[in-house]
Protein backbone atom coordinates (compact mmCIF):
# COMPACT_ATOMS: atom_id res chain seq x y z
CA GLU A 1 0.00 0.00 0.00
CA ARG A 2 1.08 3.56 -0.69
CA GLU A 3 2.04 5.93 2.13
CA ASN A 4 -0.30 8.74 1.12
CA VAL A 5 -3.45 6.60 1.20
CA LYS A 6 -5.21 6.17 4.49
CA ASP A 7 -8.32 4.17 5.23
CA THR A 8 -11.10 6.21 6.75
CA LYS A 9 -14.87 5.97 6.83
CA MET A 10 -16.75 7.95 4.18
CA ASP A 11 -20.44 8.49 3.60
CA GLY A 12 -22.33 7.81 0.41
CA PRO A 13 -21.65 5.69 -2.67
CA ALA A 14 -18.02 6.82 -2.92
CA ALA A 15 -17.19 4.92 0.28
CA GLU A 16 -16.64 1.60 -1.50
CA SER A 17 -15.08 2.90 -4.71
CA ALA A 18 -12.02 4.99 -3.78
CA PRO A 19 -9.74 5.38 -0.76
CA VAL A 20 -9.24 8.82 0.73
CA VAL A 21 -5.93 10.38 -0.30
CA ASN A 22 -4.00 12.13 2.45
CA TYR A 23 -2.75 15.38 0.93
CA GLY A 24 0.35 15.79 3.05
CA SER A 25 3.57 17.59 2.33
CA GLY A 26 3.69 16.35 -1.29
CA VAL A 27 1.15 18.86 -2.62
CA THR A 28 2.53 22.09 -4.05
CA LEU A 29 1.12 25.05 -5.92
CA LYS A 30 1.55 23.26 -9.25
CA ASP A 31 -0.81 20.47 -8.18
CA VAL A 32 -3.91 22.63 -7.71
CA SER A 33 -6.09 24.69 -10.00
CA PRO A 34 -4.69 28.21 -10.55
CA ASN A 35 -8.10 29.84 -10.15
CA SER A 36 -8.93 28.15 -6.86
CA PHE A 37 -5.44 28.83 -5.48
CA VAL A 38 -5.56 32.54 -6.37
CA LYS A 39 -8.95 32.89 -4.68
CA ALA A 40 -7.73 31.13 -1.53
CA PHE A 41 -4.47 33.08 -1.35
CA ALA A 42 -6.30 36.39 -1.91
CA LYS A 43 -8.63 35.49 0.96
CA TYR A 44 -5.56 34.74 3.12
CA LEU A 45 -3.96 38.08 2.22
CA LYS A 46 -7.16 39.98 2.99
CA ARG A 47 -7.67 38.26 6.34
CA GLY A 48 -4.06 38.88 7.33
CA GLY A 49 -4.51 42.63 7.09
CA LYS A 50 -0.81 43.22 6.45
CA ILE A 51 -1.21 44.51 2.90
CA THR A 52 -1.48 48.26 2.55
CA LEU A 53 -3.82 49.37 -0.21
CA PRO A 54 -2.96 52.44 -2.29
CA LYS A 55 -5.07 55.49 -1.53
CA ASN A 56 -6.70 55.44 -4.95
CA HIS A 57 -7.23 51.66 -5.27
CA ASP A 58 -10.98 52.08 -5.80
CA VAL A 59 -10.73 54.53 -8.72
CA VAL A 60 -7.42 53.67 -10.39
CA LYS A 61 -7.32 51.93 -13.77
CA THR A 62 -5.01 48.94 -14.07
CA GLY A 63 -3.46 50.16 -17.32
CA CYS A 64 -3.64 52.77 -20.07
CA ASN A 65 -5.56 50.28 -22.22
CA ARG A 66 -8.47 50.07 -19.76
CA GLU A 67 -11.47 52.34 -19.80
CA LEU A 68 -12.77 51.73 -16.27
CA PRO A 69 -11.34 50.65 -12.91
CA PRO A 70 -11.91 47.05 -11.76
CA VAL A 71 -15.43 46.23 -10.60
CA SER A 72 -14.56 43.73 -7.85
CA PRO A 73 -13.82 45.28 -4.44
CA ASN A 74 -11.17 42.57 -3.82
CA TRP A 75 -9.31 43.06 -7.11
CA TYR A 76 -6.12 44.26 -5.40
CA TYR A 77 -5.82 41.10 -3.28
CA ILE A 78 -6.63 38.87 -6.27
CA ARG A 79 -3.98 40.53 -8.45
CA THR A 80 -1.40 40.32 -5.64
CA ALA A 81 -2.13 36.61 -5.18
CA SER A 82 -1.87 36.09 -8.93
CA ILE A 83 1.51 37.86 -9.01
CA ALA A 84 2.76 35.64 -6.18
CA ARG A 85 1.65 32.56 -8.12
CA LYS A 86 3.26 33.82 -11.31
CA ILE A 87 6.59 34.39 -9.53
CA TYR A 88 6.36 30.92 -7.93
CA VAL A 89 5.91 29.32 -11.35
CA ARG A 90 8.48 31.55 -13.11
CA PRO A 91 11.24 32.68 -10.73
CA GLY A 92 13.06 35.71 -12.05
CA ALA A 93 9.96 37.33 -13.52
CA GLY A 94 10.39 41.07 -13.32
CA LEU A 95 8.27 44.16 -13.53
CA GLY A 96 8.30 44.32 -17.33
CA SER A 97 7.24 40.73 -17.89
CA LEU A 98 4.47 41.03 -15.30
CA ALA A 99 3.24 44.26 -16.91
CA THR A 100 3.15 42.53 -20.29
CA TYR A 101 1.31 39.52 -18.85
CA TYR A 102 -1.37 41.60 -17.13
CA GLY A 103 -1.76 43.95 -20.10
CA ASN A 104 -4.62 43.85 -22.56
CA MET A 105 -5.43 44.82 -26.13
CA LYS A 106 -5.50 48.58 -26.54
CA ARG A 107 -8.44 49.87 -28.54
CA ARG A 108 -7.32 52.31 -31.22
CA GLY A 109 -10.54 53.17 -33.01
CA VAL A 110 -10.71 51.87 -36.59
CA ARG A 111 -7.06 50.80 -36.53
CA PRO A 112 -6.14 47.29 -35.36
CA GLY A 113 -5.65 46.86 -31.64
CA ARG A 114 -2.20 46.48 -30.12
CA LYS A 115 -1.03 44.87 -26.94
CA GLY A 116 -0.86 47.39 -24.11
CA LYS A 117 0.98 46.95 -20.83
CA SER A 118 -0.50 47.07 -17.37
CA ALA A 119 0.26 49.87 -14.91
CA THR A 120 3.71 49.19 -13.50
CA SER A 121 3.21 51.37 -10.44
CA LEU A 122 0.47 49.03 -9.19
CA ILE A 123 2.61 45.95 -9.82
CA ARG A 124 5.54 47.63 -8.06
CA HIS A 125 3.32 48.39 -5.06
CA MET A 126 2.06 44.80 -4.95
CA LEU A 127 5.61 43.44 -5.13
CA ALA A 128 6.63 45.76 -2.30
CA ASN A 129 3.74 44.41 -0.20
CA LEU A 130 4.79 40.83 -0.93
CA GLU A 131 8.39 41.67 -0.01
CA LYS A 132 7.19 43.25 3.24
CA LEU A 133 5.30 40.03 4.05
CA GLY A 134 8.41 37.98 3.33
CA VAL A 135 6.86 36.05 0.44
CA VAL A 136 9.02 37.51 -2.35
CA GLU A 137 12.62 38.70 -2.56
CA LYS A 138 14.83 40.12 -5.30
CA HIS A 139 16.52 37.52 -7.50
CA PRO A 140 20.31 37.92 -7.85
CA LYS A 141 20.03 37.68 -11.64
CA GLY A 142 17.16 40.17 -11.84
CA GLY A 143 13.46 40.01 -11.19
CA ARG A 144 11.88 38.43 -8.12
CA ARG A 145 11.71 34.98 -6.55
CA ILE A 146 9.79 33.30 -3.74
CA THR A 147 11.50 33.06 -0.34
CA ARG A 148 11.58 29.88 1.73
CA THR A 149 8.93 31.14 4.13
CA GLY A 150 6.85 32.31 1.18
CA ARG A 151 7.11 28.88 -0.43
CA LYS A 152 5.97 27.26 2.84
CA GLU A 153 2.96 29.58 3.11
CA ILE A 154 2.00 29.10 -0.53
CA ASP A 155 2.32 25.32 -0.36
CA LEU A 156 0.31 25.24 2.87
CA ILE A 157 -2.53 27.10 1.18
CA ALA A 158 -2.20 24.82 -1.86
CA ARG A 159 -2.60 21.80 0.43
CA GLN A 160 -5.74 23.34 1.94
CA VAL A 161 -7.13 23.96 -1.55
CA ALA A 162 -6.34 20.36 -2.54
CA LYS A 163 -8.13 19.04 0.55
CA GLN A 164 -11.16 21.20 -0.20
CA THR A 165 -11.19 20.04 -3.82
CA ARG A 166 -10.94 16.43 -2.70
CA ARG A 167 -13.87 16.89 -0.31
CA LEU A 168 -15.99 18.41 -3.07
CA ARG A 169 -15.16 15.57 -5.45
CA THR A 170 -16.10 13.04 -2.79
CA ILE A 171 -19.43 14.73 -2.12
CA VAL A 172 -20.31 15.00 -5.83
CA SER A 173 -19.40 11.42 -6.76
């Protein structure tokens, strides 16, 4: 028998079909859905209360190619969590590559649209918040990378997301 499988009692028709998998220390960020991880990490950042929001976070546009500010009141936490995930997956990602990733097509009237970059001041502020929390640090070759404590926190949240996903799959099946 494998180490990560434990026998426990389950309710419903799934009880006989599949053993419960113990999501221990082997689950990382790359094992869970990006959308569910970003939502969970944004919730963690918001509950922590250690992130300082810019004064104009409710009226600022996220780039010159946008016409309106974001609609969601939690957009700043979601974008910060997404940046942390992006740096985890691609260590050494810098301000320019993040601005290109979060950019959008710029509308130019009757002319064809072009790729526009996101606002770098917002990304810089989010990176400073993540550095203040100890999740991100500067990479010696340029860009940013995840610290050891940041990797532990991110993987812990990924394990929680994996457990939640497993519970939902068990209930549905």
